[in-house]
Amino acid sequence: MNIKILGTGCARCHQIEKTTKEVVKELGIEATVEEVKDIKKIVEYSILTTPGLVINEELVCAGRVPTKAEVTQFIANALTKEDNTRR
């Protein structure tokens, strides 16, 4: 699983990154979590305000900091999609 945090490195971006890493660890899954700070690359995801959260190249949240429960649900949904494509 590939997870990207879109933003310039503000406190909200760091909060999403921290929460996301906690959820990944708690779920015991393998995932890369990377920060995307390049404005040109961020714009490619068609978001108007940061921070943004992208899981497996799908924008799942933008312009706000999601709760831990929301991040858990976003990751669970992505895992379900991964399972469905493998079948």
N, C-alpha and C. Protein backbone atom coordinates (compact mmCIF):
# COMPACT_ATOMS: atom_id res chain seq x y z
N MET A 1 0.85 -1.17 0.00
CA MET A 1 0.00 0.00 0.00
C MET A 1 0.90 1.24 0.00
N ASN A 2 0.50 2.22 -0.79
CA ASN A 2 1.25 3.45 -0.91
C ASN A 2 0.36 4.60 -0.41
N ILE A 3 0.85 5.32 0.59
CA ILE A 3 0.10 6.42 1.18
C ILE A 3 0.92 7.69 1.04
N LYS A 4 0.27 8.75 0.57
CA LYS A 4 0.94 10.03 0.41
C LYS A 4 0.22 11.11 1.20
N ILE A 5 1.02 11.94 1.85
CA ILE A 5 0.51 13.11 2.55
C ILE A 5 0.87 14.31 1.68
N LEU A 6 -0.14 14.99 1.18
CA LEU A 6 0.08 16.14 0.31
C LEU A 6 0.06 17.42 1.13
N GLY A 7 1.14 18.19 1.04
CA GLY A 7 1.18 19.46 1.76
C GLY A 7 2.59 19.99 1.83
N THR A 8 2.70 21.20 2.34
CA THR A 8 3.99 21.88 2.37
C THR A 8 4.79 21.63 3.63
N GLY A 9 4.28 20.79 4.51
CA GLY A 9 5.00 20.49 5.74
C GLY A 9 4.48 21.24 6.95
N CYS A 10 3.25 21.70 6.89
CA CYS A 10 2.66 22.45 8.00
C CYS A 10 2.30 21.49 9.15
N ALA A 11 1.87 22.04 10.25
CA ALA A 11 1.51 21.24 11.43
C ALA A 11 0.38 20.25 11.10
N ARG A 12 -0.57 20.68 10.29
CA ARG A 12 -1.69 19.79 9.92
C ARG A 12 -1.19 18.61 9.11
N CYS A 13 -0.24 18.84 8.22
CA CYS A 13 0.35 17.75 7.42
C CYS A 13 1.06 16.75 8.33
N HIS A 14 1.80 17.27 9.30
CA HIS A 14 2.51 16.40 10.23
C HIS A 14 1.53 15.58 11.08
N GLN A 15 0.40 16.19 11.43
CA GLN A 15 -0.61 15.47 12.22
C GLN A 15 -1.18 14.31 11.42
N ILE A 16 -1.49 14.53 10.14
CA ILE A 16 -2.01 13.44 9.30
C ILE A 16 -0.97 12.34 9.18
N GLU A 17 0.28 12.72 8.99
CA GLU A 17 1.34 11.73 8.85
C GLU A 17 1.45 10.89 10.13
N LYS A 18 1.44 11.55 11.28
CA LYS A 18 1.55 10.85 12.55
C LYS A 18 0.37 9.88 12.74
N THR A 19 -0.83 10.36 12.51
CA THR A 19 -2.02 9.53 12.66
C THR A 19 -1.98 8.35 11.70
N THR A 20 -1.61 8.61 10.46
CA THR A 20 -1.56 7.55 9.45
C THR A 20 -0.56 6.47 9.84
N LYS A 21 0.61 6.87 10.29
CA LYS A 21 1.62 5.89 10.70
C LYS A 21 1.15 5.07 11.90
N GLU A 22 0.43 5.71 12.82
CA GLU A 22 -0.13 4.99 13.97
C GLU A 22 -1.11 3.93 13.51
N VAL A 23 -2.00 4.29 12.58
CA VAL A 23 -3.01 3.36 12.09
C VAL A 23 -2.35 2.19 11.35
N VAL A 24 -1.37 2.49 10.51
CA VAL A 24 -0.67 1.45 9.77
C VAL A 24 -0.04 0.46 10.75
N LYS A 25 0.60 0.99 11.78
CA LYS A 25 1.24 0.14 12.78
C LYS A 25 0.21 -0.70 13.53
N GLU A 26 -0.89 -0.08 13.95
CA GLU A 26 -1.93 -0.79 14.70
C GLU A 26 -2.58 -1.89 13.86
N LEU A 27 -2.75 -1.64 12.56
CA LEU A 27 -3.36 -2.65 11.69
C LEU A 27 -2.36 -3.73 11.28
N GLY A 28 -1.08 -3.45 11.49
CA GLY A 28 -0.05 -4.43 11.17
C GLY A 28 0.08 -4.69 9.68
N ILE A 29 -0.08 -3.64 8.89
CA ILE A 29 0.01 -3.80 7.43
C ILE A 29 1.31 -3.18 6.93
N GLU A 30 1.69 -3.58 5.73
CA GLU A 30 2.86 -2.98 5.10
C GLU A 30 2.40 -1.83 4.23
N ALA A 31 2.99 -0.68 4.47
CA ALA A 31 2.63 0.51 3.69
C ALA A 31 3.80 1.49 3.72
N THR A 32 3.96 2.19 2.62
CA THR A 32 4.91 3.28 2.59
C THR A 32 4.12 4.57 2.78
N VAL A 33 4.61 5.41 3.67
CA VAL A 33 3.97 6.71 3.91
C VAL A 33 4.99 7.76 3.52
N GLU A 34 4.63 8.55 2.52
CA GLU A 34 5.56 9.57 2.05
C GLU A 34 4.90 10.94 2.01
N GLU A 35 5.73 11.95 2.21
CA GLU A 35 5.27 13.33 2.11
C GLU A 35 5.51 13.84 0.70
N VAL A 36 4.52 14.50 0.14
CA VAL A 36 4.66 15.13 -1.16
C VAL A 36 4.55 16.64 -0.93
N LYS A 37 5.68 17.32 -1.06
CA LYS A 37 5.71 18.76 -0.79
C LYS A 37 5.80 19.60 -2.05
N ASP A 38 6.07 18.97 -3.18
CA ASP A 38 6.21 19.67 -4.46
C ASP A 38 4.83 20.13 -4.93
N ILE A 39 4.64 21.43 -5.02
CA ILE A 39 3.34 22.00 -5.38
C ILE A 39 2.85 21.47 -6.73
N LYS A 40 3.74 21.31 -7.70
CA LYS A 40 3.33 20.81 -9.01
C LYS A 40 2.75 19.40 -8.90
N LYS A 41 3.35 18.56 -8.06
CA LYS A 41 2.84 17.20 -7.87
C LYS A 41 1.54 17.20 -7.09
N ILE A 42 1.42 18.10 -6.12
CA ILE A 42 0.18 18.20 -5.34
C ILE A 42 -0.98 18.59 -6.25
N VAL A 43 -0.75 19.54 -7.13
CA VAL A 43 -1.79 20.02 -8.04
C VAL A 43 -2.29 18.89 -8.96
N GLU A 44 -1.44 17.93 -9.25
CA GLU A 44 -1.85 16.80 -10.10
C GLU A 44 -3.00 16.00 -9.48
N TYR A 45 -3.19 16.12 -8.18
CA TYR A 45 -4.28 15.40 -7.51
C TYR A 45 -5.56 16.23 -7.44
N SER A 46 -5.55 17.39 -8.08
CA SER A 46 -6.73 18.26 -8.19
C SER A 46 -7.31 18.66 -6.83
N ILE A 47 -6.44 19.03 -5.91
CA ILE A 47 -6.94 19.55 -4.65
C ILE A 47 -6.67 21.04 -4.59
N LEU A 48 -7.58 21.75 -3.94
CA LEU A 48 -7.45 23.20 -3.84
C LEU A 48 -6.77 23.63 -2.55
N THR A 49 -6.96 22.83 -1.49
CA THR A 49 -6.34 23.17 -0.21
C THR A 49 -5.69 21.93 0.39
N THR A 50 -4.56 22.15 1.02
CA THR A 50 -3.88 21.06 1.70
C THR A 50 -4.26 21.11 3.17
N PRO A 51 -4.06 20.07 3.90
CA PRO A 51 -3.39 18.84 3.53
C PRO A 51 -4.29 17.91 2.74
N GLY A 52 -3.65 16.93 2.11
CA GLY A 52 -4.39 15.91 1.39
C GLY A 52 -3.86 14.54 1.76
N LEU A 53 -4.73 13.55 1.65
CA LEU A 53 -4.35 12.17 1.93
C LEU A 53 -4.69 11.32 0.72
N VAL A 54 -3.68 10.65 0.19
CA VAL A 54 -3.84 9.81 -1.00
C VAL A 54 -3.44 8.39 -0.63
N ILE A 55 -4.32 7.44 -0.94
CA ILE A 55 -4.03 6.03 -0.67
C ILE A 55 -4.14 5.29 -1.99
N ASN A 56 -3.04 4.63 -2.36
CA ASN A 56 -2.98 3.89 -3.64
C ASN A 56 -3.45 4.76 -4.80
N GLU A 57 -2.95 5.98 -4.83
CA GLU A 57 -3.21 6.95 -5.89
C GLU A 57 -4.66 7.45 -5.94
N GLU A 58 -5.43 7.22 -4.88
CA GLU A 58 -6.79 7.75 -4.80
C GLU A 58 -6.84 8.80 -3.69
N LEU A 59 -7.26 10.02 -4.04
CA LEU A 59 -7.41 11.07 -3.05
C LEU A 59 -8.61 10.73 -2.17
N VAL A 60 -8.37 10.59 -0.87
CA VAL A 60 -9.46 10.20 0.03
C VAL A 60 -9.88 11.33 0.97
N CYS A 61 -9.03 12.34 1.11
CA CYS A 61 -9.37 13.46 2.00
C CYS A 61 -8.52 14.66 1.61
N ALA A 62 -9.12 15.85 1.64
CA ALA A 62 -8.36 17.07 1.31
C ALA A 62 -8.92 18.26 2.07
N GLY A 63 -8.01 19.16 2.43
CA GLY A 63 -8.42 20.42 3.04
C GLY A 63 -8.69 20.38 4.53
N ARG A 64 -8.48 19.21 5.15
CA ARG A 64 -8.73 19.09 6.59
C ARG A 64 -7.94 17.92 7.14
N VAL A 65 -7.89 17.84 8.45
CA VAL A 65 -7.21 16.74 9.11
C VAL A 65 -8.26 15.71 9.50
N PRO A 66 -8.22 14.51 8.90
CA PRO A 66 -9.21 13.49 9.25
C PRO A 66 -8.94 12.92 10.64
N THR A 67 -9.96 12.40 11.28
CA THR A 67 -9.80 11.76 12.57
C THR A 67 -9.09 10.43 12.40
N LYS A 68 -8.62 9.87 13.49
CA LYS A 68 -7.96 8.57 13.44
C LYS A 68 -8.95 7.51 12.92
N ALA A 69 -10.20 7.59 13.35
CA ALA A 69 -11.22 6.65 12.88
C ALA A 69 -11.42 6.76 11.37
N GLU A 70 -11.39 7.98 10.85
CA GLU A 70 -11.54 8.17 9.41
C GLU A 70 -10.35 7.58 8.65
N VAL A 71 -9.15 7.82 9.16
CA VAL A 71 -7.95 7.28 8.50
C VAL A 71 -8.02 5.76 8.50
N THR A 72 -8.44 5.19 9.62
CA THR A 72 -8.59 3.73 9.70
C THR A 72 -9.57 3.24 8.65
N GLN A 73 -10.68 3.93 8.48
CA GLN A 73 -11.68 3.53 7.49
C GLN A 73 -11.15 3.69 6.07
N PHE A 74 -10.44 4.77 5.81
CA PHE A 74 -9.86 4.97 4.47
C PHE A 74 -8.91 3.82 4.12
N ILE A 75 -8.08 3.43 5.07
CA ILE A 75 -7.13 2.34 4.83
C ILE A 75 -7.85 1.01 4.68
N ALA A 76 -8.86 0.77 5.51
CA ALA A 76 -9.65 -0.47 5.41
C ALA A 76 -10.32 -0.56 4.04
N ASN A 77 -10.86 0.54 3.56
CA ASN A 77 -11.50 0.56 2.24
C ASN A 77 -10.48 0.24 1.15
N ALA A 78 -9.29 0.81 1.27
CA ALA A 78 -8.24 0.56 0.27
C ALA A 78 -7.81 -0.90 0.30
N LEU A 79 -7.73 -1.48 1.49
CA LEU A 79 -7.37 -2.90 1.60
C LEU A 79 -8.43 -3.78 0.93
N THR A 80 -9.70 -3.43 1.11
CA THR A 80 -10.78 -4.17 0.48
C THR A 80 -10.68 -4.09 -1.04
N LYS A 81 -10.38 -2.90 -1.55
CA LYS A 81 -10.21 -2.74 -3.00
C LYS A 81 -9.05 -3.56 -3.51
N GLU A 82 -7.94 -3.60 -2.74
CA GLU A 82 -6.78 -4.40 -3.13
C GLU A 82 -7.16 -5.88 -3.21
N ASP A 83 -7.91 -6.34 -2.21
CA ASP A 83 -8.33 -7.76 -2.19
C ASP A 83 -9.23 -8.09 -3.37
N ASN A 84 -10.12 -7.17 -3.72
CA ASN A 84 -11.05 -7.40 -4.82
C ASN A 84 -10.33 -7.44 -6.17
N THR A 85 -9.25 -6.68 -6.32
CA THR A 85 -8.53 -6.67 -7.60
C THR A 85 -7.65 -7.90 -7.75
N ARG A 86 -7.29 -8.51 -6.64
CA ARG A 86 -6.45 -9.72 -6.70
C ARG A 86 -7.25 -10.96 -7.06
N ARG A 87 -8.54 -10.90 -6.89
CA ARG A 87 -9.38 -12.09 -7.16
C ARG A 87 -9.70 -12.24 -8.61
